[in-house]
Amino acid sequence: MSASLAITHLVPLAEEFDKNKVTPGVLGFIVFAVMALAVWALMKSMNRHMGRVDFPEAEDPQNRSGDGTEASAAPGGGKKKNG
């Protein structure tokens, strides 16, 4: 009995449905969900790869001993040329 009652309430809603209105529907949700999973997988992979990156860091000139060779640490002798 409750099924027939539900159908009688849904019939007026079906008549109000605009057949010219375009909605994303189930296919739109599936495409969005697949794209979200792909982005999540790519971010997880990128995080793992960035964790494996190891590069030598330049030595801080202030931590060097005072032997006067601070300028040779940077390319070009460490001196900026203006002009």
PDB file of N, CA and C in Angstrom:
ATOM      1  N   MET A   1       0.815  -1.188   0.000  1.00  0.00           N
ATOM      2  CA  MET A   1       0.000   0.000   0.000  1.00  0.00           C
ATOM      3  C   MET A   1       0.863   1.258   0.000  1.00  0.00           C
ATOM      4  N   SER A   2       1.981   1.223   0.737  1.00  0.00           N
ATOM      5  CA  SER A   2       2.818   2.418   0.810  1.00  0.00           C
ATOM      6  C   SER A   2       3.500   2.709  -0.518  1.00  0.00           C
ATOM      7  N   ALA A   3       3.744   1.675  -1.339  1.00  0.00           N
ATOM      8  CA  ALA A   3       4.361   1.895  -2.646  1.00  0.00           C
ATOM      9  C   ALA A   3       3.418   2.665  -3.555  1.00  0.00           C
ATOM     10  N   SER A   4       2.152   2.315  -3.517  1.00  0.00           N
ATOM     11  CA  SER A   4       1.193   3.035  -4.370  1.00  0.00           C
ATOM     12  C   SER A   4       1.020   4.470  -3.871  1.00  0.00           C
ATOM     13  N   LEU A   5       1.128   4.677  -2.568  1.00  0.00           N
ATOM     14  CA  LEU A   5       1.038   6.023  -2.011  1.00  0.00           C
ATOM     15  C   LEU A   5       2.235   6.859  -2.450  1.00  0.00           C
ATOM     16  N   ALA A   6       3.431   6.244  -2.447  1.00  0.00           N
ATOM     17  CA  ALA A   6       4.632   6.952  -2.892  1.00  0.00           C
ATOM     18  C   ALA A   6       4.542   7.310  -4.367  1.00  0.00           C
ATOM     19  N   ILE A   7       3.987   6.413  -5.175  1.00  0.00           N
ATOM     20  CA  ILE A   7       3.864   6.669  -6.609  1.00  0.00           C
ATOM     21  C   ILE A   7       2.893   7.815  -6.861  1.00  0.00           C
ATOM     22  N   THR A   8       1.832   7.876  -6.089  1.00  0.00           N
ATOM     23  CA  THR A   8       0.871   8.965  -6.289  1.00  0.00           C
ATOM     24  C   THR A   8       1.484  10.315  -5.919  1.00  0.00           C
ATOM     25  N   HIS A   9       2.450  10.312  -5.005  1.00  0.00           N
ATOM     26  CA  HIS A   9       3.125  11.560  -4.659  1.00  0.00           C
ATOM     27  C   HIS A   9       4.199  11.915  -5.680  1.00  0.00           C
ATOM     28  N   LEU A  10       4.775  10.926  -6.339  1.00  0.00           N
ATOM     29  CA  LEU A  10       5.842  11.179  -7.309  1.00  0.00           C
ATOM     30  C   LEU A  10       5.306  11.575  -8.681  1.00  0.00           C
ATOM     31  N   VAL A  11       4.091  11.225  -9.000  1.00  0.00           N
ATOM     32  CA  VAL A  11       3.535  11.558 -10.313  1.00  0.00           C
ATOM     33  C   VAL A  11       3.490  13.074 -10.528  1.00  0.00           C
ATOM     34  N   PRO A  12       3.004  13.861  -9.564  1.00  0.00           N
ATOM     35  CA  PRO A  12       3.025  15.319  -9.790  1.00  0.00           C
ATOM     36  C   PRO A  12       4.458  15.856  -9.939  1.00  0.00           C
ATOM     37  N   LEU A  13       5.428  15.260  -9.231  1.00  0.00           N
ATOM     38  CA  LEU A  13       6.814  15.706  -9.377  1.00  0.00           C
ATOM     39  C   LEU A  13       7.345  15.392 -10.767  1.00  0.00           C
ATOM     40  N   ALA A  14       6.941  14.263 -11.318  1.00  0.00           N
ATOM     41  CA  ALA A  14       7.383  13.894 -12.657  1.00  0.00           C
ATOM     42  C   ALA A  14       6.787  14.822 -13.702  1.00  0.00           C
ATOM     43  N   GLU A  15       5.580  15.304 -13.469  1.00  0.00           N
ATOM     44  CA  GLU A  15       4.958  16.228 -14.412  1.00  0.00           C
ATOM     45  C   GLU A  15       5.637  17.592 -14.373  1.00  0.00           C
ATOM     46  N   GLU A  16       6.200  17.964 -13.199  1.00  0.00           N
ATOM     47  CA  GLU A  16       6.884  19.246 -13.079  1.00  0.00           C
ATOM     48  C   GLU A  16       8.301  19.196 -13.643  1.00  0.00           C
ATOM     49  N   PHE A  17       8.795  18.015 -13.950  1.00  0.00           N
ATOM     50  CA  PHE A  17      10.155  17.855 -14.463  1.00  0.00           C
ATOM     51  C   PHE A  17      10.282  18.506 -15.839  1.00  0.00           C
ATOM     52  N   ASP A  18      11.278  19.356 -15.996  1.00  0.00           N
ATOM     53  CA  ASP A  18      11.502  20.048 -17.263  1.00  0.00           C
ATOM     54  C   ASP A  18      12.331  19.156 -18.177  1.00  0.00           C
ATOM     55  N   LYS A  19      11.758  18.700 -19.260  1.00  0.00           N
ATOM     56  CA  LYS A  19      12.450  17.789 -20.172  1.00  0.00           C
ATOM     57  C   LYS A  19      13.534  18.492 -20.981  1.00  0.00           C
ATOM     58  N   ASN A  20      13.520  19.810 -21.025  1.00  0.00           N
ATOM     59  CA  ASN A  20      14.529  20.567 -21.772  1.00  0.00           C
ATOM     60  C   ASN A  20      15.745  20.923 -20.919  1.00  0.00           C
ATOM     61  N   LYS A  21      15.669  20.633 -19.640  1.00  0.00           N
ATOM     62  CA  LYS A  21      16.764  20.955 -18.728  1.00  0.00           C
ATOM     63  C   LYS A  21      17.818  19.851 -18.778  1.00  0.00           C
ATOM     64  N   VAL A  22      19.071  20.252 -18.931  1.00  0.00           N
ATOM     65  CA  VAL A  22      20.159  19.286 -19.001  1.00  0.00           C
ATOM     66  C   VAL A  22      20.820  19.202 -17.626  1.00  0.00           C
ATOM     67  N   THR A  23      20.986  17.988 -17.116  1.00  0.00           N
ATOM     68  CA  THR A  23      21.655  17.774 -15.833  1.00  0.00           C
ATOM     69  C   THR A  23      22.813  16.810 -16.040  1.00  0.00           C
ATOM     70  N   PRO A  24      23.838  16.861 -15.186  1.00  0.00           N
ATOM     71  CA  PRO A  24      24.982  15.977 -15.369  1.00  0.00           C
ATOM     72  C   PRO A  24      24.641  14.510 -15.149  1.00  0.00           C
ATOM     73  N   GLY A  25      23.747  14.212 -14.257  1.00  0.00           N
ATOM     74  CA  GLY A  25      23.309  12.843 -14.039  1.00  0.00           C
ATOM     75  C   GLY A  25      24.391  11.935 -13.491  1.00  0.00           C
ATOM     76  N   VAL A  26      24.172  10.657 -13.653  1.00  0.00           N
ATOM     77  CA  VAL A  26      25.068   9.634 -13.113  1.00  0.00           C
ATOM     78  C   VAL A  26      26.405   9.648 -13.857  1.00  0.00           C
ATOM     79  N   LEU A  27      26.359   9.820 -15.175  1.00  0.00           N
ATOM     80  CA  LEU A  27      27.595   9.833 -15.956  1.00  0.00           C
ATOM     81  C   LEU A  27      28.510  10.983 -15.519  1.00  0.00           C
ATOM     82  N   GLY A  28      27.938  12.137 -15.257  1.00  0.00           N
ATOM     83  CA  GLY A  28      28.729  13.269 -14.777  1.00  0.00           C
ATOM     84  C   GLY A  28      29.377  12.979 -13.433  1.00  0.00           C
ATOM     85  N   PHE A  29      28.635  12.332 -12.546  1.00  0.00           N
ATOM     86  CA  PHE A  29      29.190  11.972 -11.249  1.00  0.00           C
ATOM     87  C   PHE A  29      30.323  10.965 -11.393  1.00  0.00           C
ATOM     88  N   ILE A  30      30.135   9.982 -12.266  1.00  0.00           N
ATOM     89  CA  ILE A  30      31.173   8.965 -12.461  1.00  0.00           C
ATOM     90  C   ILE A  30      32.444   9.592 -13.024  1.00  0.00           C
ATOM     91  N   VAL A  31      32.299  10.483 -14.008  1.00  0.00           N
ATOM     92  CA  VAL A  31      33.471  11.158 -14.586  1.00  0.00           C
ATOM     93  C   VAL A  31      34.173  11.995 -13.529  1.00  0.00           C
ATOM     94  N   PHE A  32      33.407  12.730 -12.735  1.00  0.00           N
ATOM     95  CA  PHE A  32      33.991  13.557 -11.674  1.00  0.00           C
ATOM     96  C   PHE A  32      34.707  12.695 -10.640  1.00  0.00           C
ATOM     97  N   ALA A  33      34.117  11.573 -10.260  1.00  0.00           N
ATOM     98  CA  ALA A  33      34.734  10.685  -9.275  1.00  0.00           C
ATOM     99  C   ALA A  33      36.029  10.085  -9.817  1.00  0.00           C
ATOM    100  N   VAL A  34      36.038   9.691 -11.089  1.00  0.00           N
ATOM    101  CA  VAL A  34      37.258   9.142 -11.688  1.00  0.00           C
ATOM    102  C   VAL A  34      38.354  10.202 -11.740  1.00  0.00           C
ATOM    103  N   MET A  35      37.987  11.427 -12.098  1.00  0.00           N
ATOM    104  CA  MET A  35      38.985  12.509 -12.126  1.00  0.00           C
ATOM    105  C   MET A  35      39.523  12.789 -10.726  1.00  0.00           C
ATOM    106  N   ALA A  36      38.667  12.759  -9.712  1.00  0.00           N
ATOM    107  CA  ALA A  36      39.110  12.986  -8.341  1.00  0.00           C
ATOM    108  C   ALA A  36      40.068  11.886  -7.891  1.00  0.00           C
ATOM    109  N   LEU A  37      39.764  10.644  -8.229  1.00  0.00           N
ATOM    110  CA  LEU A  37      40.665   9.538  -7.879  1.00  0.00           C
ATOM    111  C   LEU A  37      41.999   9.661  -8.612  1.00  0.00           C
ATOM    112  N   ALA A  38      41.967  10.099  -9.863  1.00  0.00           N
ATOM    113  CA  ALA A  38      43.206  10.266 -10.627  1.00  0.00           C
ATOM    114  C   ALA A  38      44.074  11.363 -10.015  1.00  0.00           C
ATOM    115  N   VAL A  39      43.470  12.475  -9.626  1.00  0.00           N
ATOM    116  CA  VAL A  39      44.233  13.557  -8.991  1.00  0.00           C
ATOM    117  C   VAL A  39      44.812  13.086  -7.668  1.00  0.00           C
ATOM    118  N   TRP A  40      44.045  12.352  -6.898  1.00  0.00           N
ATOM    119  CA  TRP A  40      44.534  11.833  -5.618  1.00  0.00           C
ATOM    120  C   TRP A  40      45.730  10.907  -5.837  1.00  0.00           C
ATOM    121  N   ALA A  41      45.625  10.018  -6.831  1.00  0.00           N
ATOM    122  CA  ALA A  41      46.731   9.096  -7.114  1.00  0.00           C
ATOM    123  C   ALA A  41      47.973   9.853  -7.587  1.00  0.00           C
ATOM    124  N   LEU A  42      47.777  10.861  -8.430  1.00  0.00           N
ATOM    125  CA  LEU A  42      48.914  11.656  -8.900  1.00  0.00           C
ATOM    126  C   LEU A  42      49.582  12.421  -7.758  1.00  0.00           C
ATOM    127  N   MET A  43      48.797  12.972  -6.856  1.00  0.00           N
ATOM    128  CA  MET A  43      49.363  13.704  -5.716  1.00  0.00           C
ATOM    129  C   MET A  43      50.126  12.755  -4.792  1.00  0.00           C
ATOM    130  N   LYS A  44      49.598  11.572  -4.591  1.00  0.00           N
ATOM    131  CA  LYS A  44      50.271  10.587  -3.747  1.00  0.00           C
ATOM    132  C   LYS A  44      51.594  10.169  -4.381  1.00  0.00           C
ATOM    133  N   SER A  45      51.591   9.952  -5.696  1.00  0.00           N
ATOM    134  CA  SER A  45      52.807   9.574  -6.413  1.00  0.00           C
ATOM    135  C   SER A  45      53.831  10.711  -6.372  1.00  0.00           C
ATOM    136  N   MET A  46      53.356  11.951  -6.571  1.00  0.00           N
ATOM    137  CA  MET A  46      54.262  13.095  -6.543  1.00  0.00           C
ATOM    138  C   MET A  46      54.892  13.250  -5.163  1.00  0.00           C
ATOM    139  N   ASN A  47      54.109  13.063  -4.128  1.00  0.00           N
ATOM    140  CA  ASN A  47      54.619  13.178  -2.767  1.00  0.00           C
ATOM    141  C   ASN A  47      55.706  12.134  -2.513  1.00  0.00           C
ATOM    142  N   ARG A  48      55.490  10.919  -2.997  1.00  0.00           N
ATOM    143  CA  ARG A  48      56.490   9.853  -2.833  1.00  0.00           C
ATOM    144  C   ARG A  48      57.769  10.182  -3.612  1.00  0.00           C
ATOM    145  N   HIS A  49      57.626  10.668  -4.833  1.00  0.00           N
ATOM    146  CA  HIS A  49      58.799  10.998  -5.638  1.00  0.00           C
ATOM    147  C   HIS A  49      59.567  12.192  -5.075  1.00  0.00           C
ATOM    148  N   MET A  50      58.847  13.182  -4.573  1.00  0.00           N
ATOM    149  CA  MET A  50      59.520  14.345  -3.987  1.00  0.00           C
ATOM    150  C   MET A  50      60.249  13.958  -2.704  1.00  0.00           C
ATOM    151  N   GLY A  51      59.753  12.958  -2.006  1.00  0.00           N
ATOM    152  CA  GLY A  51      60.434  12.480  -0.805  1.00  0.00           C
ATOM    153  C   GLY A  51      61.751  11.793  -1.124  1.00  0.00           C
ATOM    154  N   ARG A  52      61.869  11.262  -2.324  1.00  0.00           N
ATOM    155  CA  ARG A  52      63.101  10.578  -2.729  1.00  0.00           C
ATOM    156  C   ARG A  52      64.164  11.535  -3.256  1.00  0.00           C
ATOM    157  N   VAL A  53      63.796  12.775  -3.539  1.00  0.00           N
ATOM    158  CA  VAL A  53      64.750  13.734  -4.099  1.00  0.00           C
ATOM    159  C   VAL A  53      65.794  14.076  -3.045  1.00  0.00           C
ATOM    160  N   ASP A  54      67.044  13.966  -3.444  1.00  0.00           N
ATOM    161  CA  ASP A  54      68.143  14.321  -2.561  1.00  0.00           C
ATOM    162  C   ASP A  54      69.135  15.146  -3.374  1.00  0.00           C
ATOM    163  N   PHE A  55      69.426  16.332  -2.912  1.00  0.00           N
ATOM    164  CA  PHE A  55      70.357  17.178  -3.632  1.00  0.00           C
ATOM    165  C   PHE A  55      71.307  17.819  -2.625  1.00  0.00           C
ATOM    166  N   PRO A  56      72.528  18.071  -3.050  1.00  0.00           N
ATOM    167  CA  PRO A  56      73.481  18.699  -2.121  1.00  0.00           C
ATOM    168  C   PRO A  56      73.136  20.173  -1.923  1.00  0.00           C
ATOM    169  N   GLU A  57      73.129  20.575  -0.699  1.00  0.00           N
ATOM    170  CA  GLU A  57      72.835  21.968  -0.395  1.00  0.00           C
ATOM    171  C   GLU A  57      74.138  22.744  -0.312  1.00  0.00           C
ATOM    172  N   ALA A  58      74.081  24.000  -0.759  1.00  0.00           N
ATOM    173  CA  ALA A  58      75.258  24.856  -0.682  1.00  0.00           C
ATOM    174  C   ALA A  58      75.560  25.165   0.786  1.00  0.00           C
ATOM    175  N   GLU A  59      76.823  25.217   1.088  1.00  0.00           N
ATOM    176  CA  GLU A  59      77.226  25.490   2.458  1.00  0.00           C
ATOM    177  C   GLU A  59      76.959  26.949   2.782  1.00  0.00           C
ATOM    178  N   ASP A  60      76.462  27.193   3.972  1.00  0.00           N
ATOM    179  CA  ASP A  60      76.155  28.549   4.399  1.00  0.00           C
ATOM    180  C   ASP A  60      77.463  29.307   4.641  1.00  0.00           C
ATOM    181  N   PRO A  61      77.654  30.457   3.985  1.00  0.00           N
ATOM    182  CA  PRO A  61      78.915  31.204   4.153  1.00  0.00           C
ATOM    183  C   PRO A  61      79.174  31.648   5.592  1.00  0.00           C
ATOM    184  N   GLN A  62      78.151  31.851   6.372  1.00  0.00           N
ATOM    185  CA  GLN A  62      78.343  32.301   7.745  1.00  0.00           C
ATOM    186  C   GLN A  62      78.853  31.180   8.635  1.00  0.00           C
ATOM    187  N   ASN A  63      78.647  29.932   8.247  1.00  0.00           N
ATOM    188  CA  ASN A  63      79.110  28.802   9.050  1.00  0.00           C
ATOM    189  C   ASN A  63      80.533  28.395   8.706  1.00  0.00           C
ATOM    190  N   ARG A  64      81.118  29.004   7.710  1.00  0.00           N
ATOM    191  CA  ARG A  64      82.486  28.664   7.318  1.00  0.00           C
ATOM    192  C   ARG A  64      83.479  29.229   8.325  1.00  0.00           C
ATOM    193  N   SER A  65      84.652  28.646   8.314  1.00  0.00           N
ATOM    194  CA  SER A  65      85.713  29.200   9.152  1.00  0.00           C
ATOM    195  C   SER A  65      86.187  30.514   8.522  1.00  0.00           C
ATOM    196  N   GLY A  66      86.768  31.370   9.282  1.00  0.00           N
ATOM    197  CA  GLY A  66      87.173  32.697   8.810  1.00  0.00           C
ATOM    198  C   GLY A  66      88.444  32.687   7.987  1.00  0.00           C
ATOM    199  N   ASP A  67      88.489  31.888   6.933  1.00  0.00           N
ATOM    200  CA  ASP A  67      89.704  31.840   6.131  1.00  0.00           C
ATOM    201  C   ASP A  67      89.644  32.775   4.915  1.00  0.00           C
ATOM    202  N   GLY A  68      88.552  33.519   4.749  1.00  0.00           N
ATOM    203  CA  GLY A  68      88.486  34.506   3.678  1.00  0.00           C
ATOM    204  C   GLY A  68      88.113  33.935   2.322  1.00  0.00           C
ATOM    205  N   THR A  69      87.647  32.696   2.256  1.00  0.00           N
ATOM    206  CA  THR A  69      87.292  32.095   0.968  1.00  0.00           C
ATOM    207  C   THR A  69      85.780  32.055   0.776  1.00  0.00           C
ATOM    208  N   GLU A  70      85.046  32.928   1.417  1.00  0.00           N
ATOM    209  CA  GLU A  70      83.594  32.934   1.322  1.00  0.00           C
ATOM    210  C   GLU A  70      83.115  33.264  -0.090  1.00  0.00           C
ATOM    211  N   ALA A  71      83.792  34.111  -0.791  1.00  0.00           N
ATOM    212  CA  ALA A  71      83.338  34.568  -2.100  1.00  0.00           C
ATOM    213  C   ALA A  71      83.447  33.472  -3.154  1.00  0.00           C
ATOM    214  N   SER A  72      84.282  32.474  -2.964  1.00  0.00           N
ATOM    215  CA  SER A  72      84.461  31.444  -3.977  1.00  0.00           C
ATOM    216  C   SER A  72      83.364  30.389  -3.937  1.00  0.00           C
ATOM    217  N   ALA A  73      82.456  30.421  -2.956  1.00  0.00           N
ATOM    218  CA  ALA A  73      81.422  29.399  -2.845  1.00  0.00           C
ATOM    219  C   ALA A  73      80.335  29.572  -3.907  1.00  0.00           C
ATOM    220  N   ALA A  74      80.041  30.801  -4.280  1.00  0.00           N
ATOM    221  CA  ALA A  74      78.991  31.053  -5.258  1.00  0.00           C
ATOM    222  C   ALA A  74      79.587  31.097  -6.669  1.00  0.00           C
ATOM    223  N   PRO A  75      78.786  30.754  -7.665  1.00  0.00           N
ATOM    224  CA  PRO A  75      79.300  30.853  -9.041  1.00  0.00           C
ATOM    225  C   PRO A  75      79.686  32.283  -9.383  1.00  0.00           C
ATOM    226  N   GLY A  76      80.750  32.437 -10.092  1.00  0.00           N
ATOM    227  CA  GLY A  76      81.202  33.772 -10.487  1.00  0.00           C
ATOM    228  C   GLY A  76      81.924  34.483  -9.372  1.00  0.00           C
ATOM    229  N   GLY A  77      82.390  33.749  -8.398  1.00  0.00           N
ATOM    230  CA  GLY A  77      83.140  34.371  -7.316  1.00  0.00           C
ATOM    231  C   GLY A  77      82.270  34.995  -6.255  1.00  0.00           C
ATOM    232  N   GLY A  78      80.960  34.874  -6.389  1.00  0.00           N
ATOM    233  CA  GLY A  78      80.052  35.396  -5.375  1.00  0.00           C
ATOM    234  C   GLY A  78      79.863  36.883  -5.425  1.00  0.00           C
ATOM    235  N   LYS A  79      80.409  37.556  -6.422  1.00  0.00           N
ATOM    236  CA  LYS A  79      80.270  39.012  -6.526  1.00  0.00           C
ATOM    237  C   LYS A  79      79.255  39.336  -7.591  1.00  0.00           C
ATOM    238  N   LYS A  80      78.323  40.218  -7.278  1.00  0.00           N
ATOM    239  CA  LYS A  80      77.338  40.632  -8.248  1.00  0.00           C
ATOM    240  C   LYS A  80      77.882  41.780  -9.076  1.00  0.00           C
ATOM    241  N   LYS A  81      77.593  41.725 -10.346  1.00  0.00           N
ATOM    242  CA  LYS A  81      78.007  42.802 -11.241  1.00  0.00           C
ATOM    243  C   LYS A  81      76.786  43.598 -11.608  1.00  0.00           C
ATOM    244  N   ASN A  82      76.835  44.866 -11.368  1.00  0.00           N
ATOM    245  CA  ASN A  82      75.727  45.747 -11.737  1.00  0.00           C
ATOM    246  C   ASN A  82      76.015  46.363 -13.095  1.00  0.00           C
ATOM    247  N   GLY A  83      75.010  46.352 -13.945  1.00  0.00           N
ATOM    248  CA  GLY A  83      75.214  47.061 -15.207  1.00  0.00           C
ATOM    249  C   GLY A  83      74.983  46.318 -16.364  1.00  0.00           C
TER     250      GLY A  83
END
